[in-house]
């Protein structure tokens, strides 16, 4: 029986032309990881090296151009474009809206990298600095702020604009990536080409989200092991993944407003509490000075860092990190675009871009500045050899040991488990929502995919990270992010081209004077209503 939504042209049934091939590809990738983990790891490393080495410069240029595009939309006349009716009120409060964007955008990875990345940068520093030297300490936080700054969030907000435009301005009854490419690719997006684009999107999103889950689950497992004395093992990690999946499913069942919005709000409170506690009880002066110094270095070297490829040595730092982040954020870009579009009814282009950049960047910098600074101080003073733990036991154990070194370490670890699990839940829940919207036949404005459809994607997302846990290490996660990002860039470029084609149709008067145009539009509606009422009055008087 056909499932219909709130609008006449809705059709909430799954689109099997996208769902079936996507599911088969994901399952076919998972099986070799479980059966042949060593061979799979070798293949993944080869793919990662090829992508980052031979196409790295192109990815860096694209990433920097998206920062420029973000600034253009903030300060240009196109920033006045509103998604929805002229008098439309935002669907969510500012706090809920920002919290959902932030929690979905950074997911559980933010806590992992706030500790692990500075340690990697100390041991294998950029800009030809010697390992564990003064220069290495300075560049460590600088590069963390750089990687989690404008280069990250510009991918998200730029991808959101063409999707918002198609959905709210052109009234297309689908929230699909292929629809956002229509102006560039023509009506072909309604056929096999469109299905292929949406399948690429779904595969890329599942792969990039698997990377987030594969780094978050081990930390939660090690935290439980440290707290309760449980032996760390692959089995424990799989139990954590299964438990998390149940939580994701409960959030999915609750829906967008009650599920993701409430979880995001709770996690925002936990994040603020953890940051404040670590800042107060930690080396406060060092954290402030280190952040200030790193921020200044980043501003001074922003363009050099954005395009540095280290061509004259055998070093691979730009490929291992900056290119990796560019591709990882590209892999998340269309997903975040879909999610931001769904929650941004009543918002303007300028609001989406500026608030996404400002609050997304500031939130990430707060976490990285405090916990990254605390980690470096432990290493610098010799209070904890976090880099040695990372080398011997891996990043997950290093994160756990750093957090447990805070006063009340056990309570902090438990709070972190809740924090990380909720971050993961909002990310996977949001991804399940985006995947199900992409695989729904026709989704009208105000409609949601069916709960059963969202359940399907919540569980399917758990299969790939489960297989990645059999391999272990950071290399598989990076490779999945790179492959997913390369797939997504093939989709993002026609999205941006389509956006600029659509913007040519905008009324120049409305763009320059939006408030006056809105008033004139309301007057026209009142006059039209008066014209309709006039014959009625004449008829009543005559009778």
Foldseek 3Di string as FASTA:
>chain_A
DFDAWDDPPFTQDFFCLQVVVLLVVLVVLLVCLQVPVVVNLVVLLVLLCCLLPPCVLVLLVVLVVLLVVLVCCQPDLQLLAAQAALPDAFPDDPVLLLLLLQLQQCFLVLLLCLQPQLLVCQQQNPPPDHRVDPVSNLVSLLVLLLLQASSQLSLALLLQVLQSCCCRVVVAQFSALLSLLCQVVPPCLVDPVVSVLRNLLLNLLLLLLLLLLLSLLQLLLVLCCVQVVDDRDLVSSLVSLVVLLVLLLVLLVVPDCPRLSVLSSVLVVLLVVLLVQLCVQFPVVQLVVSLVSSVVVCVVCVVCLSNPCPPPDPDGVCSVPVSLSSLLSLLCRNLSSSLSSLRGRRHGSNCSSVSSNPSSSVSSSSSSSRLSSRSVVCCVVVVDVLSVCCVPPNSSVSSLVSQLVGVVSSVSSVSSSSSNSSSSSSNLSSSLQSSSSNRTDGHGRVGGRDSVSSSVSSVSSSSNSSSVSSNDDSSSSSSSSNVSSVSSVVSVVSSSVSSVVVVVPDDPVCSVPVVVVSVVVVVVVVVVVVVVVVVVVVVVVVD
